Amino acid sequence: MEIELARKLTRSPRQIFVDQVNYLQERSLGTLCFLWEKRRIPIVLVGTKTLFDNFYQSKLTDDVRGQLTSRIALHYLLPELTKVETKAILRHALGEEMTDEMVEQIHQVTGGNFGF
């Protein structure tokens, strides 16, 4: 399957975006490394802070960790939303129905985590 994916990416090159990467197992991460090696396409990995922690404190074998970290061009940890940012998102989603009490409660329950 990996070889077929690489072939298809040769015919139609494109970047790959993978969400919730923190749930992938070692073999799946190895597939991403294989595709990058074969086609040198941009691959964007998105996940929780657990993803970042997994790269540096995980149970991945040293070989897999080395392969992955040698291919990381940059990483960016997104901070939690401020109350102002939470309010802006809720205003966009709820319009006039949004109240300051709702903002306070939602921000408190989610801890400013937009993906909550």
C-alpha atoms as a PDB file:
ATOM      1  CA  MET A   1       0.000   0.000   0.000  1.00  0.00           C
ATOM      2  CA  GLU A   2       2.871   2.394   0.799  1.00  0.00           C
ATOM      3  CA  ILE A   3       4.393   1.859  -2.659  1.00  0.00           C
ATOM      4  CA  GLU A   4       1.039   2.475  -4.340  1.00  0.00           C
ATOM      5  CA  LEU A   5       0.569   5.692  -2.346  1.00  0.00           C
ATOM      6  CA  ALA A   6       4.041   6.829  -3.395  1.00  0.00           C
ATOM      7  CA  ARG A   7       3.185   6.096  -7.043  1.00  0.00           C
ATOM      8  CA  LYS A   8      -0.012   8.105  -6.839  1.00  0.00           C
ATOM      9  CA  LEU A   9       1.881  10.984  -5.272  1.00  0.00           C
ATOM     10  CA  THR A  10       4.309  10.854  -8.199  1.00  0.00           C
ATOM     11  CA  ARG A  11       1.451  11.247 -10.672  1.00  0.00           C
ATOM     12  CA  SER A  12      -0.345  13.851  -8.589  1.00  0.00           C
ATOM     13  CA  PRO A  13       1.990  15.474  -6.045  1.00  0.00           C
ATOM     14  CA  ARG A  14       0.313  17.190  -3.132  1.00  0.00           C
ATOM     15  CA  GLN A  15       0.927  17.967   0.495  1.00  0.00           C
ATOM     16  CA  ILE A  16      -0.501  15.731   3.202  1.00  0.00           C
ATOM     17  CA  PHE A  17      -2.236  17.060   6.313  1.00  0.00           C
ATOM     18  CA  VAL A  18      -2.783  14.532   9.099  1.00  0.00           C
ATOM     19  CA  ASP A  19      -4.971  15.513  12.058  1.00  0.00           C
ATOM     20  CA  GLN A  20      -4.960  13.789  15.454  1.00  0.00           C
ATOM     21  CA  VAL A  21      -1.517  12.334  14.803  1.00  0.00           C
ATOM     22  CA  ASN A  22      -1.093  11.712  18.531  1.00  0.00           C
ATOM     23  CA  TYR A  23      -3.403   8.675  18.028  1.00  0.00           C
ATOM     24  CA  LEU A  24      -1.265   7.088  15.292  1.00  0.00           C
ATOM     25  CA  GLN A  25       0.814   4.057  16.127  1.00  0.00           C
ATOM     26  CA  GLU A  26       4.469   3.615  15.282  1.00  0.00           C
ATOM     27  CA  ARG A  27       3.832   1.779  12.000  1.00  0.00           C
ATOM     28  CA  SER A  28       1.608   4.593  10.694  1.00  0.00           C
ATOM     29  CA  LEU A  29       4.275   7.147  11.547  1.00  0.00           C
ATOM     30  CA  GLY A  30       6.743   4.963   9.665  1.00  0.00           C
ATOM     31  CA  THR A  31       4.482   5.136   6.599  1.00  0.00           C
ATOM     32  CA  LEU A  32       4.599   8.923   6.726  1.00  0.00           C
ATOM     33  CA  CYS A  33       8.403   8.769   6.889  1.00  0.00           C
ATOM     34  CA  PHE A  34       8.420   6.400   3.890  1.00  0.00           C
ATOM     35  CA  LEU A  35       6.232   8.731   1.821  1.00  0.00           C
ATOM     36  CA  TRP A  36       8.411  11.703   2.681  1.00  0.00           C
ATOM     37  CA  GLU A  37      11.575   9.802   1.749  1.00  0.00           C
ATOM     38  CA  LYS A  38      10.146   8.661  -1.587  1.00  0.00           C
ATOM     39  CA  ARG A  39       8.442  11.887  -2.708  1.00  0.00           C
ATOM     40  CA  ARG A  40       9.798  14.721  -0.482  1.00  0.00           C
ATOM     41  CA  ILE A  41       6.295  16.156  -0.208  1.00  0.00           C
ATOM     42  CA  PRO A  42       5.303  18.461   2.636  1.00  0.00           C
ATOM     43  CA  ILE A  43       3.585  16.597   5.464  1.00  0.00           C
ATOM     44  CA  VAL A  44       1.847  18.547   8.217  1.00  0.00           C
ATOM     45  CA  LEU A  45       1.143  16.721  11.465  1.00  0.00           C
ATOM     46  CA  VAL A  46      -1.514  18.158  13.753  1.00  0.00           C
ATOM     47  CA  GLY A  47      -2.293  16.950  17.245  1.00  0.00           C
ATOM     48  CA  THR A  48      -2.520  17.809  20.883  1.00  0.00           C
ATOM     49  CA  LYS A  49       0.414  18.682  23.126  1.00  0.00           C
ATOM     50  CA  THR A  50       0.608  14.925  23.663  1.00  0.00           C
ATOM     51  CA  LEU A  51       1.952  14.690  20.101  1.00  0.00           C
ATOM     52  CA  PHE A  52       4.855  16.982  20.982  1.00  0.00           C
ATOM     53  CA  ASP A  53       5.491  15.087  24.205  1.00  0.00           C
ATOM     54  CA  ASN A  54       5.401  11.760  22.357  1.00  0.00           C
ATOM     55  CA  PHE A  55       8.228  12.819  20.089  1.00  0.00           C
ATOM     56  CA  TYR A  56      10.541  13.552  22.976  1.00  0.00           C
ATOM     57  CA  GLN A  57       9.343  11.350  25.845  1.00  0.00           C
ATOM     58  CA  SER A  58       7.558   8.502  24.146  1.00  0.00           C
ATOM     59  CA  LYS A  59       7.907   4.783  23.930  1.00  0.00           C
ATOM     60  CA  LEU A  60       8.781   5.022  20.242  1.00  0.00           C
ATOM     61  CA  THR A  61      11.897   3.122  19.374  1.00  0.00           C
ATOM     62  CA  ASP A  62      15.013   5.251  19.039  1.00  0.00           C
ATOM     63  CA  ASP A  63      15.096   4.447  15.322  1.00  0.00           C
ATOM     64  CA  VAL A  64      11.548   5.686  14.641  1.00  0.00           C
ATOM     65  CA  ARG A  65      11.979   8.729  16.875  1.00  0.00           C
ATOM     66  CA  GLY A  66      15.235   9.567  15.075  1.00  0.00           C
ATOM     67  CA  GLN A  67      13.593   9.219  11.662  1.00  0.00           C
ATOM     68  CA  LEU A  68      10.705  11.454  12.641  1.00  0.00           C
ATOM     69  CA  THR A  69      12.623  14.185  14.436  1.00  0.00           C
ATOM     70  CA  SER A  70      15.210  14.449  11.646  1.00  0.00           C
ATOM     71  CA  ARG A  71      12.381  15.359   9.270  1.00  0.00           C
ATOM     72  CA  ILE A  72      10.680  17.991  11.421  1.00  0.00           C
ATOM     73  CA  ALA A  73      11.258  21.434   9.948  1.00  0.00           C
ATOM     74  CA  LEU A  74       9.402  23.244  12.713  1.00  0.00           C
ATOM     75  CA  HIS A  75       6.842  22.750  15.413  1.00  0.00           C
ATOM     76  CA  TYR A  76       4.446  25.256  16.846  1.00  0.00           C
ATOM     77  CA  LEU A  77       2.583  24.825  20.102  1.00  0.00           C
ATOM     78  CA  LEU A  78      -0.671  26.764  20.140  1.00  0.00           C
ATOM     79  CA  PRO A  79      -1.547  28.328  23.483  1.00  0.00           C
ATOM     80  CA  GLU A  80      -5.018  28.178  24.992  1.00  0.00           C
ATOM     81  CA  LEU A  81      -7.504  30.786  23.829  1.00  0.00           C
ATOM     82  CA  THR A  82      -7.852  33.966  25.823  1.00  0.00           C
ATOM     83  CA  LYS A  83     -11.324  35.036  26.957  1.00  0.00           C
ATOM     84  CA  VAL A  84     -11.300  37.695  24.234  1.00  0.00           C
ATOM     85  CA  GLU A  85     -10.594  35.028  21.579  1.00  0.00           C
ATOM     86  CA  THR A  86     -13.253  32.737  23.058  1.00  0.00           C
ATOM     87  CA  LYS A  87     -15.754  35.597  22.964  1.00  0.00           C
ATOM     88  CA  ALA A  88     -14.933  36.373  19.307  1.00  0.00           C
ATOM     89  CA  ILE A  89     -15.465  32.753  18.273  1.00  0.00           C
ATOM     90  CA  LEU A  90     -18.731  32.513  20.191  1.00  0.00           C
ATOM     91  CA  ARG A  91     -19.939  35.842  18.782  1.00  0.00           C
ATOM     92  CA  HIS A  92     -19.298  34.521  15.272  1.00  0.00           C
ATOM     93  CA  ALA A  93     -21.079  31.227  16.011  1.00  0.00           C
ATOM     94  CA  LEU A  94     -23.984  32.450  18.129  1.00  0.00           C
ATOM     95  CA  GLY A  95     -24.441  36.076  17.157  1.00  0.00           C
ATOM     96  CA  GLU A  96     -26.813  37.988  19.386  1.00  0.00           C
ATOM     97  CA  GLU A  97     -27.630  34.923  21.487  1.00  0.00           C
ATOM     98  CA  MET A  98     -24.172  35.026  23.086  1.00  0.00           C
ATOM     99  CA  THR A  99     -23.951  36.470  26.583  1.00  0.00           C
ATOM    100  CA  ASP A 100     -20.977  37.326  28.782  1.00  0.00           C
ATOM    101  CA  GLU A 101     -22.097  34.587  31.179  1.00  0.00           C
ATOM    102  CA  MET A 102     -21.942  32.031  28.361  1.00  0.00           C
ATOM    103  CA  VAL A 103     -18.445  33.163  27.423  1.00  0.00           C
ATOM    104  CA  GLU A 104     -17.279  32.873  31.021  1.00  0.00           C
ATOM    105  CA  GLN A 105     -18.778  29.427  31.486  1.00  0.00           C
ATOM    106  CA  ILE A 106     -17.558  28.009  28.177  1.00  0.00           C
ATOM    107  CA  HIS A 107     -14.078  29.432  28.651  1.00  0.00           C
ATOM    108  CA  GLN A 108     -13.886  27.997  32.160  1.00  0.00           C
ATOM    109  CA  VAL A 109     -15.149  24.533  31.161  1.00  0.00           C
ATOM    110  CA  THR A 110     -12.892  24.237  28.101  1.00  0.00           C
ATOM    111  CA  GLY A 111      -9.856  25.886  29.648  1.00  0.00           C
ATOM    112  CA  GLY A 112      -9.509  27.854  26.442  1.00  0.00           C
ATOM    113  CA  ASN A 113      -9.013  24.688  24.390  1.00  0.00           C
ATOM    114  CA  PHE A 114     -10.742  25.322  21.057  1.00  0.00           C
ATOM    115  CA  GLY A 115     -10.792  21.634  20.164  1.00  0.00           C
ATOM    116  CA  PHE A 116     -12.621  20.675  23.358  1.00  0.00           C
END
